[in-house]
Amino acid sequence: MTADGGVADYARAIEHEWSELSEGPVVLSPRDWATVLRWFENDVPLQLVSEALHVAAKHRRGIRGLGRLGEEVDAAWEAVRQGRTTREPTAQSSERGGMARDAWRRRAAEGAVLHPALSALLGELLSQLDGGEPARRVDEALDDRLLDVVPPTALAAAREAVDRQIEGFRGRMDDEVLGATIRKGLLDRLRRDLELPHLADDVGP
């Protein structure tokens, strides 16, 4: 897992670790933020990033930026993911996958009257999943369309929460990264509030 909180918590953890290794305060640059956001979106665990920071601090004369670590972290995480996907699914993972799918079905049923657009989208995506569409692609499809179908009150509450969370980081991101960070934060918050877990976390890519 990446972090219990959102992208801002993930970034704070990396910034704190980097500061300790540097024996002084570190402030993420806009380029660093872009790297952090990519890691967060790809579900790179904090432990893996921490290990890369420690290796870099030990073998290099300081850590000048996260960009140099990007390829190393991405390669390490891809190796971990490939190892996971080549293993046969266990009974426990299959059970969790069923639980995630059931959570989507409950939300679709509960929202049929109050939130028909969201309910219809979930029904469509669940049909694709049942038809053999990979879980990761179904998750991506939900993320692509979720902001357009959630109730306005839910979206407003999520936006307010995300704005509070990233308030101290706004000046460290360029406009493109800021927009992507806000979007990712909204999706994570809405999925949590609406109890729509990532299917791929349970049943694989």
Protein backbone atom coordinates (compact mmCIF):
# COMPACT_ATOMS: atom_id res chain seq x y z
CA MET A 1 0.00 0.00 0.00
CA THR A 2 1.10 3.55 -0.56
CA ALA A 3 -0.21 5.46 2.45
CA ASP A 4 -3.31 5.51 4.61
CA GLY A 5 -4.00 9.11 3.66
CA GLY A 6 -3.93 10.92 0.32
CA VAL A 7 -1.19 12.19 -1.92
CA ALA A 8 -0.28 15.02 0.48
CA ASP A 9 0.36 12.54 3.31
CA TYR A 10 2.39 10.42 0.91
CA ALA A 11 4.46 13.47 -0.08
CA ARG A 12 4.95 14.52 3.55
CA ALA A 13 6.30 11.08 4.42
CA ILE A 14 8.84 11.24 1.58
CA GLU A 15 9.79 14.81 2.42
CA HIS A 16 10.30 13.87 6.08
CA GLU A 17 12.44 10.85 5.21
CA TRP A 18 14.54 12.87 2.78
CA SER A 19 15.01 15.63 5.36
CA GLU A 20 16.24 13.16 7.96
CA LEU A 21 18.72 11.63 5.53
CA SER A 22 19.92 15.09 4.50
CA GLU A 23 20.14 16.23 8.13
CA GLY A 24 18.27 19.38 7.23
CA PRO A 25 14.87 20.53 5.93
CA VAL A 26 14.00 19.53 2.38
CA VAL A 27 11.27 21.16 0.31
CA LEU A 28 9.91 19.28 -2.70
CA SER A 29 10.41 21.15 -5.95
CA PRO A 30 7.75 21.16 -8.72
CA ARG A 31 9.77 18.48 -10.51
CA ASP A 32 9.96 16.41 -7.31
CA TRP A 33 6.20 16.76 -6.91
CA ALA A 34 5.63 15.40 -10.41
CA THR A 35 7.72 12.34 -9.48
CA VAL A 36 5.89 11.86 -6.18
CA LEU A 37 2.52 12.13 -7.91
CA ARG A 38 3.52 9.52 -10.49
CA TRP A 39 4.63 7.14 -7.73
CA PHE A 40 1.40 7.70 -5.82
CA GLU A 41 -0.74 7.11 -8.91
CA ASN A 42 1.17 3.88 -9.59
CA ASP A 43 0.66 2.69 -5.98
CA VAL A 44 4.41 2.58 -5.28
CA PRO A 45 4.77 1.66 -1.57
CA LEU A 46 6.43 4.20 0.70
CA GLN A 47 8.78 1.49 1.93
CA LEU A 48 10.20 1.04 -1.56
CA VAL A 49 10.75 4.79 -1.93
CA SER A 50 12.37 4.88 1.51
CA GLU A 51 14.78 2.10 0.54
CA ALA A 52 15.75 3.96 -2.62
CA LEU A 53 16.37 7.16 -0.63
CA HIS A 54 18.58 5.31 1.84
CA VAL A 55 20.61 3.68 -0.93
CA ALA A 56 21.08 7.01 -2.69
CA ALA A 57 22.10 8.76 0.54
CA LYS A 58 24.65 6.05 1.27
CA HIS A 59 26.27 5.80 -2.15
CA ARG A 60 25.96 9.36 -3.46
CA ARG A 61 27.01 12.72 -2.17
CA GLY A 62 23.57 13.83 -1.12
CA ILE A 63 20.20 13.50 -2.83
CA ARG A 64 19.82 16.38 -5.24
CA GLY A 65 16.36 15.50 -6.50
CA LEU A 66 13.88 12.68 -6.84
CA GLY A 67 14.15 12.62 -10.59
CA ARG A 68 17.36 10.59 -10.45
CA LEU A 69 15.60 8.01 -8.30
CA GLY A 70 12.60 7.79 -10.60
CA GLU A 71 13.87 5.08 -12.94
CA GLU A 72 15.27 3.01 -10.07
CA VAL A 73 12.01 3.13 -8.10
CA ASP A 74 9.90 2.46 -11.18
CA ALA A 75 12.03 -0.55 -12.15
CA ALA A 76 11.93 -1.97 -8.63
CA TRP A 77 8.17 -1.57 -8.38
CA GLU A 78 7.63 -3.12 -11.81
CA ALA A 79 9.68 -6.13 -10.72
CA VAL A 80 7.50 -6.49 -7.61
CA ARG A 81 4.30 -6.17 -9.63
CA GLN A 82 5.44 -8.71 -12.21
CA GLY A 83 6.22 -11.13 -9.40
CA ARG A 84 2.70 -10.68 -8.05
CA THR A 85 0.94 -11.12 -11.39
CA THR A 86 2.75 -14.35 -12.20
CA ARG A 87 1.52 -16.00 -8.99
CA GLU A 88 -1.74 -17.89 -8.93
CA PRO A 89 -4.48 -16.04 -7.01
CA THR A 90 -5.03 -17.40 -3.51
CA ALA A 91 -8.38 -18.21 -1.97
CA GLN A 92 -7.97 -15.21 0.32
CA SER A 93 -7.34 -12.80 -2.56
CA SER A 94 -10.33 -14.22 -4.46
CA GLU A 95 -12.50 -13.67 -1.39
CA ARG A 96 -11.30 -10.07 -1.08
CA GLY A 97 -11.98 -9.54 -4.76
CA GLY A 98 -15.54 -10.73 -4.23
CA MET A 99 -15.90 -8.30 -1.33
CA ALA A 100 -14.75 -5.38 -3.46
CA ARG A 101 -17.15 -6.32 -6.23
CA ASP A 102 -19.96 -6.67 -3.70
CA ALA A 103 -19.21 -3.17 -2.36
CA TRP A 104 -19.68 -1.78 -5.88
CA ARG A 105 -22.94 -3.70 -6.27
CA ARG A 106 -24.26 -2.37 -2.96
CA ARG A 107 -23.47 1.19 -3.95
CA ALA A 108 -25.13 0.70 -7.34
CA ALA A 109 -28.29 -0.65 -5.70
CA GLU A 110 -28.42 2.00 -2.97
CA GLY A 111 -27.95 4.83 -5.46
CA ALA A 112 -30.49 3.65 -8.04
CA VAL A 113 -33.06 6.19 -6.86
CA LEU A 114 -31.04 9.02 -5.29
CA HIS A 115 -28.01 8.91 -7.60
CA PRO A 116 -29.08 7.26 -10.85
CA ALA A 117 -26.09 8.44 -12.91
CA LEU A 118 -23.58 6.88 -10.51
CA SER A 119 -25.69 3.74 -10.20
CA ALA A 120 -25.90 3.37 -13.97
CA LEU A 121 -22.13 3.78 -14.37
CA LEU A 122 -21.40 1.17 -11.72
CA GLY A 123 -23.84 -1.24 -13.33
CA GLU A 124 -22.17 -0.74 -16.70
CA LEU A 125 -18.68 -1.28 -15.31
CA LEU A 126 -19.70 -4.32 -13.27
CA SER A 127 -21.11 -5.88 -16.43
CA GLN A 128 -17.76 -5.30 -18.13
CA LEU A 129 -15.96 -6.89 -15.18
CA ASP A 130 -18.27 -9.91 -15.23
CA GLY A 131 -17.65 -10.17 -18.95
CA GLY A 132 -13.92 -10.57 -18.45
CA GLU A 133 -12.61 -7.00 -18.59
CA PRO A 134 -9.42 -6.76 -16.47
CA ALA A 135 -10.05 -5.24 -13.02
CA ARG A 136 -7.39 -2.57 -13.54
CA ARG A 137 -9.12 -1.31 -16.67
CA VAL A 138 -12.49 -1.22 -14.90
CA ASP A 139 -10.89 0.82 -12.09
CA GLU A 140 -9.43 3.21 -14.67
CA ALA A 141 -12.81 3.57 -16.36
CA LEU A 142 -14.44 4.48 -13.05
CA ASP A 143 -11.75 7.08 -12.36
CA ASP A 144 -12.22 8.56 -15.83
CA ARG A 145 -15.93 9.16 -15.27
CA LEU A 146 -16.52 9.32 -11.52
CA LEU A 147 -16.24 13.09 -11.16
CA ASP A 148 -19.02 13.54 -13.75
CA VAL A 149 -21.59 11.33 -12.02
CA VAL A 150 -21.16 11.81 -8.26
CA PRO A 151 -23.75 13.91 -6.42
CA PRO A 152 -22.75 17.61 -6.31
CA THR A 153 -22.78 17.66 -2.51
CA ALA A 154 -20.34 14.73 -2.35
CA LEU A 155 -18.05 16.37 -4.90
CA ALA A 156 -18.11 19.69 -3.03
CA ALA A 157 -17.27 18.01 0.29
CA ALA A 158 -14.41 16.08 -1.30
CA ARG A 159 -13.04 19.21 -2.97
CA GLU A 160 -13.08 21.10 0.33
CA ALA A 161 -11.23 18.26 2.08
CA VAL A 162 -8.60 18.02 -0.67
CA ASP A 163 -8.08 21.79 -0.72
CA ARG A 164 -7.37 21.71 3.02
CA GLN A 165 -4.98 18.79 2.66
CA ILE A 166 -2.79 20.31 -0.06
CA GLU A 167 -2.98 23.94 1.11
CA GLY A 168 0.63 24.00 2.27
CA PHE A 169 1.90 22.47 -0.97
CA ARG A 170 0.25 24.59 -3.66
CA GLY A 171 3.23 26.86 -4.17
CA ARG A 172 5.52 23.89 -4.78
CA MET A 173 3.67 22.58 -7.84
CA ASP A 174 3.31 23.91 -11.35
CA ASP A 175 -0.21 24.22 -12.74
CA GLU A 176 -0.20 20.84 -14.48
CA VAL A 177 0.98 18.92 -11.44
CA LEU A 178 -1.37 20.87 -9.16
CA GLY A 179 -4.33 19.97 -11.35
CA ALA A 180 -3.33 16.31 -11.45
CA THR A 181 -2.80 16.27 -7.68
CA ILE A 182 -6.24 17.75 -7.01
CA ARG A 183 -7.88 15.28 -9.38
CA LYS A 184 -6.12 12.32 -7.78
CA GLY A 185 -7.04 13.58 -4.32
CA LEU A 186 -10.69 13.96 -5.31
CA LEU A 187 -10.86 10.46 -6.74
CA ASP A 188 -9.26 8.92 -3.65
CA ARG A 189 -11.55 10.85 -1.33
CA LEU A 190 -14.70 10.01 -3.27
CA ARG A 191 -13.82 6.34 -3.54
CA ARG A 192 -13.31 6.25 0.22
CA ASP A 193 -16.49 8.21 1.00
CA LEU A 194 -18.60 6.17 -1.43
CA GLU A 195 -16.99 2.86 -0.38
CA LEU A 196 -15.80 1.98 -3.88
CA PRO A 197 -12.52 0.09 -3.32
CA HIS A 198 -10.04 -0.54 -6.12
CA LEU A 199 -10.88 -3.90 -7.66
CA ALA A 200 -7.33 -4.38 -8.90
CA ASP A 201 -6.00 -4.25 -5.34
CA ASP A 202 -7.89 -7.46 -4.70
CA VAL A 203 -8.02 -9.45 -7.91
CA GLY A 204 -4.89 -8.27 -9.72
CA PRO A 205 -4.38 -6.24 -12.89
